[in-house]
C-alpha atoms as a PDB file:
ATOM      1  CA  MET A   1     139.749  78.265 102.129  1.00  0.00           C
ATOM      2  CA  THR A   2     139.731  80.558  99.104  1.00  0.00           C
ATOM      3  CA  ALA A   3     136.987  83.123  98.531  1.00  0.00           C
ATOM      4  CA  GLY A   4     135.568  80.936  95.774  1.00  0.00           C
ATOM      5  CA  GLU A   5     135.468  77.857  98.015  1.00  0.00           C
ATOM      6  CA  GLN A   6     133.917  79.874 100.856  1.00  0.00           C
ATOM      7  CA  LEU A   7     131.229  81.206  98.518  1.00  0.00           C
ATOM      8  CA  HIS A   8     130.499  77.772  97.049  1.00  0.00           C
ATOM      9  CA  SER A   9     130.103  76.286 100.541  1.00  0.00           C
ATOM     10  CA  ALA A  10     127.865  79.165 101.628  1.00  0.00           C
ATOM     11  CA  LEU A  11     125.680  78.686  98.552  1.00  0.00           C
ATOM     12  CA  GLU A  12     125.071  75.012  99.302  1.00  0.00           C
ATOM     13  CA  ARG A  13     123.994  75.963 102.820  1.00  0.00           C
ATOM     14  CA  PHE A  14     121.811  78.816 101.587  1.00  0.00           C
ATOM     15  CA  PHE A  15     119.768  76.737  99.168  1.00  0.00           C
ATOM     16  CA  ALA A  16     119.261  74.097 101.880  1.00  0.00           C
ATOM     17  CA  LEU A  17     117.475  76.605 104.141  1.00  0.00           C
ATOM     18  CA  ARG A  18     113.916  75.745 105.120  1.00  0.00           C
ATOM     19  CA  GLN A  19     112.694  79.238 104.197  1.00  0.00           C
ATOM     20  CA  HIS A  20     112.834  78.271 100.506  1.00  0.00           C
ATOM     21  CA  GLY A  21     109.937  75.870 100.989  1.00  0.00           C
ATOM     22  CA  ASP A  22     106.232  76.682 100.978  1.00  0.00           C
ATOM     23  CA  ASP A  23     105.600  76.661 104.732  1.00  0.00           C
ATOM     24  CA  ALA A  24     103.875  80.020 105.209  1.00  0.00           C
ATOM     25  CA  ARG A  25     103.577  79.655 108.978  1.00  0.00           C
ATOM     26  CA  PHE A  26     107.309  78.989 109.323  1.00  0.00           C
ATOM     27  CA  ALA A  27     108.085  81.982 107.091  1.00  0.00           C
ATOM     28  CA  ALA A  28     105.888  84.251 109.210  1.00  0.00           C
ATOM     29  CA  ARG A  29     107.535  83.053 112.420  1.00  0.00           C
ATOM     30  CA  LEU A  30     110.994  83.574 110.931  1.00  0.00           C
ATOM     31  CA  ALA A  31     110.104  87.119 109.851  1.00  0.00           C
ATOM     32  CA  ARG A  32     108.776  87.872 113.342  1.00  0.00           C
ATOM     33  CA  LEU A  33     111.970  86.596 114.975  1.00  0.00           C
ATOM     34  CA  GLN A  34     114.248  88.492 112.591  1.00  0.00           C
ATOM     35  CA  HIS A  35     112.327  91.726 113.128  1.00  0.00           C
ATOM     36  CA  TRP A  36     112.665  91.334 116.900  1.00  0.00           C
ATOM     37  CA  GLN A  37     116.386  90.641 116.621  1.00  0.00           C
ATOM     38  CA  THR A  38     116.969  93.665 114.408  1.00  0.00           C
ATOM     39  CA  MET A  39     115.162  95.892 116.903  1.00  0.00           C
ATOM     40  CA  ARG A  40     117.223  94.347 119.704  1.00  0.00           C
ATOM     41  CA  LEU A  41     120.495  95.046 117.881  1.00  0.00           C
ATOM     42  CA  ARG A  42     119.491  98.644 117.301  1.00  0.00           C
ATOM     43  CA  ALA A  43     118.501  99.081 120.933  1.00  0.00           C
ATOM     44  CA  SER A  44     121.673  97.426 122.257  1.00  0.00           C
ATOM     45  CA  HIS A  45     123.964  99.521 120.062  1.00  0.00           C
ATOM     46  CA  GLN A  46     122.079 102.786 119.766  1.00  0.00           C
ATOM     47  CA  ASP A  47     125.202 104.754 120.708  1.00  0.00           C
ATOM     48  CA  LEU A  48     127.142 103.159 117.828  1.00  0.00           C
ATOM     49  CA  LEU A  49     124.378 104.088 115.401  1.00  0.00           C
ATOM     50  CA  THR A  50     124.683 107.742 116.410  1.00  0.00           C
ATOM     51  CA  ARG A  51     128.472 107.990 116.083  1.00  0.00           C
ATOM     52  CA  PRO A  52     129.607 110.361 113.328  1.00  0.00           C
ATOM     53  CA  GLY A  53     129.802 108.463 110.041  1.00  0.00           C
ATOM     54  CA  ALA A  54     128.625 105.159 111.533  1.00  0.00           C
ATOM     55  CA  GLU A  55     124.854 105.151 110.983  1.00  0.00           C
ATOM     56  CA  ALA A  56     124.843 104.007 107.343  1.00  0.00           C
ATOM     57  CA  GLY A  57     127.406 101.280 107.975  1.00  0.00           C
ATOM     58  CA  MET A  58     125.613  99.899 111.009  1.00  0.00           C
ATOM     59  CA  ASP A  59     122.304 100.050 109.160  1.00  0.00           C
ATOM     60  CA  PHE A  60     123.813  98.007 106.300  1.00  0.00           C
ATOM     61  CA  LEU A  61     125.116  95.422 108.768  1.00  0.00           C
ATOM     62  CA  PHE A  62     121.856  95.128 110.727  1.00  0.00           C
ATOM     63  CA  THR A  63     119.642  95.114 107.623  1.00  0.00           C
ATOM     64  CA  GLU A  64     121.579  93.455 104.819  1.00  0.00           C
ATOM     65  CA  VAL A  65     123.830  91.033 106.739  1.00  0.00           C
ATOM     66  CA  TYR A  66     122.034  90.216 109.991  1.00  0.00           C
ATOM     67  CA  GLY A  67     118.499  91.387 109.323  1.00  0.00           C
ATOM     68  CA  GLY A  68     117.200  88.518 107.203  1.00  0.00           C
ATOM     69  CA  ARG A  69     117.342  90.363 103.853  1.00  0.00           C
ATOM     70  CA  ASP A  70     116.339  88.101 100.946  1.00  0.00           C
ATOM     71  CA  LEU A  71     119.611  86.871  99.465  1.00  0.00           C
ATOM     72  CA  ARG A  72     118.119  84.797  96.662  1.00  0.00           C
ATOM     73  CA  PRO A  73     118.995  87.212  93.822  1.00  0.00           C
ATOM     74  CA  VAL A  74     122.625  87.407  94.989  1.00  0.00           C
ATOM     75  CA  ALA A  75     122.886  83.657  95.668  1.00  0.00           C
ATOM     76  CA  GLN A  76     121.366  82.718  92.312  1.00  0.00           C
ATOM     77  CA  GLU A  77     123.799  84.991  90.502  1.00  0.00           C
ATOM     78  CA  ILE A  78     126.799  83.545  92.332  1.00  0.00           C
ATOM     79  CA  ARG A  79     125.678  80.011  91.582  1.00  0.00           C
ATOM     80  CA  ARG A  80     125.274  80.881  87.913  1.00  0.00           C
ATOM     81  CA  ALA A  81     128.280  83.162  87.380  1.00  0.00           C
ATOM     82  CA  LEU A  82     130.840  82.539  90.168  1.00  0.00           C
ATOM     83  CA  PRO A  83     133.770  81.783  87.789  1.00  0.00           C
ATOM     84  CA  LYS A  84     133.116  85.051  85.945  1.00  0.00           C
ATOM     85  CA  ALA A  85     132.877  86.994  89.198  1.00  0.00           C
ATOM     86  CA  LEU A  86     136.172  85.541  90.437  1.00  0.00           C
ATOM     87  CA  ARG A  87     137.891  86.567  87.198  1.00  0.00           C
ATOM     88  CA  LEU A  88     136.368  90.038  87.001  1.00  0.00           C
ATOM     89  CA  LEU A  89     136.235  91.358  90.573  1.00  0.00           C
ATOM     90  CA  PRO A  90     139.395  92.092  92.614  1.00  0.00           C
ATOM     91  CA  ASP A  91     140.465  89.350  95.049  1.00  0.00           C
ATOM     92  CA  ARG A  92     139.951  91.660  98.038  1.00  0.00           C
ATOM     93  CA  VAL A  93     136.408  92.384  96.912  1.00  0.00           C
ATOM     94  CA  MET A  94     135.619  88.678  96.508  1.00  0.00           C
ATOM     95  CA  ALA A  95     137.047  88.004  99.987  1.00  0.00           C
ATOM     96  CA  THR A  96     134.727  90.693 101.352  1.00  0.00           C
ATOM     97  CA  SER A  97     131.719  89.174  99.599  1.00  0.00           C
ATOM     98  CA  ALA A  98     132.605  85.710 100.935  1.00  0.00           C
ATOM     99  CA  SER A  99     132.763  86.916 104.556  1.00  0.00           C
ATOM    100  CA  ALA A 100     129.604  89.013 104.231  1.00  0.00           C
ATOM    101  CA  LEU A 101     127.555  86.256 102.615  1.00  0.00           C
ATOM    102  CA  GLU A 102     128.770  83.539 104.953  1.00  0.00           C
ATOM    103  CA  ALA A 103     127.856  85.770 107.904  1.00  0.00           C
ATOM    104  CA  ALA A 104     124.404  86.427 106.446  1.00  0.00           C
ATOM    105  CA  ILE A 105     123.753  82.747 105.672  1.00  0.00           C
ATOM    106  CA  LEU A 106     125.044  81.526 109.035  1.00  0.00           C
ATOM    107  CA  THR A 107     122.737  84.067 110.681  1.00  0.00           C
ATOM    108  CA  GLN A 108     119.775  82.703 108.745  1.00  0.00           C
ATOM    109  CA  GLU A 109     120.689  79.127 109.698  1.00  0.00           C
ATOM    110  CA  LEU A 110     120.762  80.135 113.357  1.00  0.00           C
ATOM    111  CA  ASP A 111     117.500  82.040 112.982  1.00  0.00           C
ATOM    112  CA  GLU A 112     115.734  79.070 111.401  1.00  0.00           C
ATOM    113  CA  HIS A 113     116.901  76.757 114.181  1.00  0.00           C
ATOM    114  CA  LEU A 114     115.767  79.267 116.807  1.00  0.00           C
ATOM    115  CA  VAL A 115     112.328  79.406 115.155  1.00  0.00           C
ATOM    116  CA  GLU A 116     112.104  75.628 115.579  1.00  0.00           C
ATOM    117  CA  VAL A 117     113.061  75.944 119.254  1.00  0.00           C
ATOM    118  CA  LEU A 118     110.557  78.734 119.916  1.00  0.00           C
ATOM    119  CA  ASP A 119     107.854  77.108 117.759  1.00  0.00           C
ATOM    120  CA  ALA A 120     104.303  78.272 118.605  1.00  0.00           C
ATOM    121  CA  ARG A 121     105.539  80.842 121.129  1.00  0.00           C
ATOM    122  CA  LEU A 122     106.379  83.044 118.154  1.00  0.00           C
ATOM    123  CA  ASP A 123     102.673  83.196 117.309  1.00  0.00           C
ATOM    124  CA  GLU A 124     102.059  84.965 120.598  1.00  0.00           C
ATOM    125  CA  GLY A 125     104.809  87.570 120.249  1.00  0.00           C
ATOM    126  CA  LEU A 126     108.344  87.549 121.575  1.00  0.00           C
ATOM    127  CA  CYS A 127     109.944  89.082 124.650  1.00  0.00           C
ATOM    128  CA  ALA A 128     113.486  89.166 126.010  1.00  0.00           C
ATOM    129  CA  ASP A 129     112.821  86.381 128.526  1.00  0.00           C
ATOM    130  CA  SER A 130     111.382  83.885 126.043  1.00  0.00           C
ATOM    131  CA  TYR A 131     114.139  84.708 123.566  1.00  0.00           C
ATOM    132  CA  ALA A 132     116.858  84.182 126.183  1.00  0.00           C
ATOM    133  CA  GLU A 133     115.419  80.840 127.282  1.00  0.00           C
ATOM    134  CA  ALA A 134     115.249  79.602 123.666  1.00  0.00           C
ATOM    135  CA  TYR A 135     118.765  80.894 122.966  1.00  0.00           C
ATOM    136  CA  ARG A 136     120.133  78.732 125.794  1.00  0.00           C
ATOM    137  CA  ARG A 137     118.162  75.703 124.639  1.00  0.00           C
ATOM    138  CA  GLN A 138     119.460  76.165 121.111  1.00  0.00           C
ATOM    139  CA  GLN A 139     123.032  75.177 122.112  1.00  0.00           C
ATOM    140  CA  GLN A 140     124.724  76.696 119.061  1.00  0.00           C
ATOM    141  CA  ASP A 141     127.648  78.306 120.883  1.00  0.00           C
ATOM    142  CA  ALA A 142     130.321  77.363 118.297  1.00  0.00           C
ATOM    143  CA  ALA A 143     128.230  78.665 115.389  1.00  0.00           C
ATOM    144  CA  ARG A 144     127.607  81.936 117.207  1.00  0.00           C
ATOM    145  CA  GLN A 145     131.328  82.311 117.898  1.00  0.00           C
ATOM    146  CA  ARG A 146     131.927  81.858 114.164  1.00  0.00           C
ATOM    147  CA  GLN A 147     129.266  84.485 113.497  1.00  0.00           C
ATOM    148  CA  LEU A 148     131.168  86.998 115.640  1.00  0.00           C
ATOM    149  CA  ALA A 149     134.506  86.040 114.051  1.00  0.00           C
ATOM    150  CA  LEU A 150     133.039  86.809 110.627  1.00  0.00           C
ATOM    151  CA  VAL A 151     132.165  90.316 111.845  1.00  0.00           C
ATOM    152  CA  GLY A 152     135.878  90.874 112.507  1.00  0.00           C
ATOM    153  CA  GLU A 153     136.846  89.429 109.112  1.00  0.00           C
ATOM    154  CA  LEU A 154     134.368  91.695 107.374  1.00  0.00           C
ATOM    155  CA  GLY A 155     135.766  94.791 109.075  1.00  0.00           C
ATOM    156  CA  SER A 156     139.331  93.930 108.037  1.00  0.00           C
ATOM    157  CA  HIS A 157     138.326  93.240 104.431  1.00  0.00           C
ATOM    158  CA  ILE A 158     136.410  96.510 104.090  1.00  0.00           C
ATOM    159  CA  ASP A 159     139.254  98.528 105.638  1.00  0.00           C
ATOM    160  CA  ARG A 160     141.665  97.080 103.051  1.00  0.00           C
ATOM    161  CA  TYR A 161     139.265  98.124 100.288  1.00  0.00           C
ATOM    162  CA  VAL A 162     138.712 101.635 101.678  1.00  0.00           C
ATOM    163  CA  ARG A 163     142.458 102.245 102.118  1.00  0.00           C
ATOM    164  CA  SER A 164     143.378 101.021  98.620  1.00  0.00           C
ATOM    165  CA  ARG A 165     142.724 103.551  95.875  1.00  0.00           C
ATOM    166  CA  MET A 166     143.709 100.936  93.296  1.00  0.00           C
ATOM    167  CA  ILE A 167     141.104  98.397  94.498  1.00  0.00           C
ATOM    168  CA  GLN A 168     138.414 101.094  94.644  1.00  0.00           C
ATOM    169  CA  THR A 169     139.238 102.225  91.110  1.00  0.00           C
ATOM    170  CA  THR A 170     139.230  98.665  89.772  1.00  0.00           C
ATOM    171  CA  PHE A 171     135.911  97.940  91.473  1.00  0.00           C
ATOM    172  CA  ARG A 172     134.284 101.041  89.979  1.00  0.00           C
ATOM    173  CA  MET A 173     135.664 100.209  86.534  1.00  0.00           C
ATOM    174  CA  VAL A 174     134.066  96.761  86.461  1.00  0.00           C
ATOM    175  CA  ARG A 175     130.554  97.955  87.288  1.00  0.00           C
ATOM    176  CA  ARG A 176     129.262  97.746  83.734  1.00  0.00           C
ATOM    177  CA  PRO A 177     131.077  94.462  82.921  1.00  0.00           C
ATOM    178  CA  ALA A 178     129.727  92.962  86.147  1.00  0.00           C
ATOM    179  CA  HIS A 179     126.165  93.921  85.260  1.00  0.00           C
ATOM    180  CA  ALA A 180     126.643  92.633  81.725  1.00  0.00           C
ATOM    181  CA  ALA A 181     128.106  89.345  83.014  1.00  0.00           C
ATOM    182  CA  GLY A 182     124.985  88.630  85.086  1.00  0.00           C
ATOM    183  CA  PHE A 183     125.922  89.440  88.649  1.00  0.00           C
ATOM    184  CA  ALA A 184     124.463  92.915  89.112  1.00  0.00           C
ATOM    185  CA  SER A 185     122.857  91.968  92.457  1.00  0.00           C
ATOM    186  CA  LEU A 186     126.201  90.824  93.901  1.00  0.00           C
ATOM    187  CA  TYR A 187     127.988  93.933  92.637  1.00  0.00           C
ATOM    188  CA  ASP A 188     125.269  96.253  93.961  1.00  0.00           C
ATOM    189  CA  PHE A 189     125.212  94.454  97.346  1.00  0.00           C
ATOM    190  CA  LEU A 190     128.964  95.053  97.714  1.00  0.00           C
ATOM    191  CA  ASP A 191     128.718  98.601  96.376  1.00  0.00           C
ATOM    192  CA  ARG A 192     126.058  99.468  98.990  1.00  0.00           C
ATOM    193  CA  GLY A 193     128.229  98.003 101.732  1.00  0.00           C
ATOM    194  CA  PHE A 194     131.380  99.845 100.675  1.00  0.00           C
ATOM    195  CA  ALA A 195     129.509 103.130 100.309  1.00  0.00           C
ATOM    196  CA  ALA A 196     127.914 102.733 103.739  1.00  0.00           C
ATOM    197  CA  MET A 197     131.200 101.884 105.468  1.00  0.00           C
ATOM    198  CA  ARG A 198     133.465 104.377 103.658  1.00  0.00           C
ATOM    199  CA  PRO A 199     132.839 107.350 106.034  1.00  0.00           C
ATOM    200  CA  LEU A 200     134.192 105.384 109.002  1.00  0.00           C
ATOM    201  CA  PRO A 201     137.816 106.070 110.025  1.00  0.00           C
ATOM    202  CA  SER A 202     138.199 102.345 110.778  1.00  0.00           C
ATOM    203  CA  VAL A 203     135.540  99.765 109.968  1.00  0.00           C
ATOM    204  CA  ALA A 204     137.558  97.073 111.747  1.00  0.00           C
ATOM    205  CA  ASP A 205     137.673  99.033 115.020  1.00  0.00           C
ATOM    206  CA  LEU A 206     133.907  99.632 114.974  1.00  0.00           C
ATOM    207  CA  LEU A 207     133.021  96.027 114.119  1.00  0.00           C
ATOM    208  CA  ASP A 208     135.504  94.675 116.667  1.00  0.00           C
ATOM    209  CA  GLU A 209     133.755  96.787 119.307  1.00  0.00           C
ATOM    210  CA  LEU A 210     130.377  95.511 118.132  1.00  0.00           C
ATOM    211  CA  ALA A 211     131.605  91.897 118.245  1.00  0.00           C
ATOM    212  CA  ALA A 212     133.033  92.367 121.751  1.00  0.00           C
ATOM    213  CA  ARG A 213     129.714  93.753 122.996  1.00  0.00           C
ATOM    214  CA  GLU A 214     127.797  90.885 121.395  1.00  0.00           C
ATOM    215  CA  GLN A 215     130.274  88.448 122.975  1.00  0.00           C
ATOM    216  CA  ALA A 216     129.438  89.908 126.390  1.00  0.00           C
ATOM    217  CA  ILE A 217     125.696  89.660 125.678  1.00  0.00           C
ATOM    218  CA  MET A 218     126.152  86.053 124.576  1.00  0.00           C
ATOM    219  CA  ALA A 219     127.963  85.266 127.837  1.00  0.00           C
ATOM    220  CA  ARG A 220     125.116  86.807 129.866  1.00  0.00           C
ATOM    221  CA  LEU A 221     122.537  84.844 127.868  1.00  0.00           C
ATOM    222  CA  LEU A 222     124.323  81.526 128.329  1.00  0.00           C
ATOM    223  CA  ALA A 223     124.884  82.206 132.031  1.00  0.00           C
ATOM    224  CA  GLY A 224     121.162  82.778 132.580  1.00  0.00           C
ATOM    225  CA  HIS A 225     121.591  86.423 133.584  1.00  0.00           C
ATOM    226  CA  PRO A 226     118.174  87.824 134.559  1.00  0.00           C
ATOM    227  CA  GLN A 227     118.699  90.851 132.280  1.00  0.00           C
ATOM    228  CA  PRO A 228     120.947  89.916 129.349  1.00  0.00           C
ATOM    229  CA  PHE A 229     119.542  92.909 127.441  1.00  0.00           C
ATOM    230  CA  PRO A 230     119.359  95.719 130.029  1.00  0.00           C
ATOM    231  CA  GLU A 231     117.960  98.103 127.395  1.00  0.00           C
ATOM    232  CA  LEU A 232     114.865  95.901 126.777  1.00  0.00           C
ATOM    233  CA  ALA A 233     111.770  95.246 128.826  1.00  0.00           C
ATOM    234  CA  HIS A 234     111.603  91.726 130.256  1.00  0.00           C
ATOM    235  CA  GLY A 235     108.726  89.469 131.131  1.00  0.00           C
END
C-alpha cells in the first residue's frame, strides 16, 4: 500500500469515529479513558522518558500519536489537499505521516471500542483492575498487534529522515509552499515530530524497545496476570 492509499484509508476510518457525533457523555468517557492511558504509559516507561534526548520524542508519541490529540485539522487538510501534499512533500515524509496517522487513528478506534466495553464504569473512575478486565473482554488482539507494528514502522521512517540531509533540506524548503497549499496542520504535525525525535541516536531502537515492553504488558493483560502494570496501584 502506498503512502497515499494508507492515508486515504486512514481518513475514511477517522471520519467514521463516534467521537465526531454530539454524544457529550461518550466524549467525556473517552477523554477520561485516554487521560488514564496516557498516565499509564508515562508510568510504565518513566525510565525511557528520562533518557538523554528522549523526553521530547516520547512526549510527542504519548501526546500526539497515542494520547487522543484532536486530529480533525490534520485529517480535514489531507482530505482536501492530499494530491498536493503527495506532490510537494518528499516520499519519505509522506510515508512517515501515513504511519503516524494510521497509528493515531487505530488507537482512537481501539479507545472508542474500549469505552463501549467499560460503559458506565468510566463515570466512576478507572483503575488498573477494571481496565485490565475490559481489555480482555475487548478481544482486539490483532488490532493491537498492528498498533505495535506501526510503532516500529514510525521509528524506521523517522530514522531515515534524520539520517538524510537531503530529505531534511527538502522538507524545510517546502514549509512555505505547504502552508500556502492548505496543509499547514499536517506540515506542522510532522515538523513537531521530527524536531522531537531528532536528538535521539536511533529512533527505531527506542521505539522497538517501547513496542517490546508494550508487547509484554499485552501478554500479561491477556493472560489475566494479577498485576499487568506493576507500577500502578490495583483495586
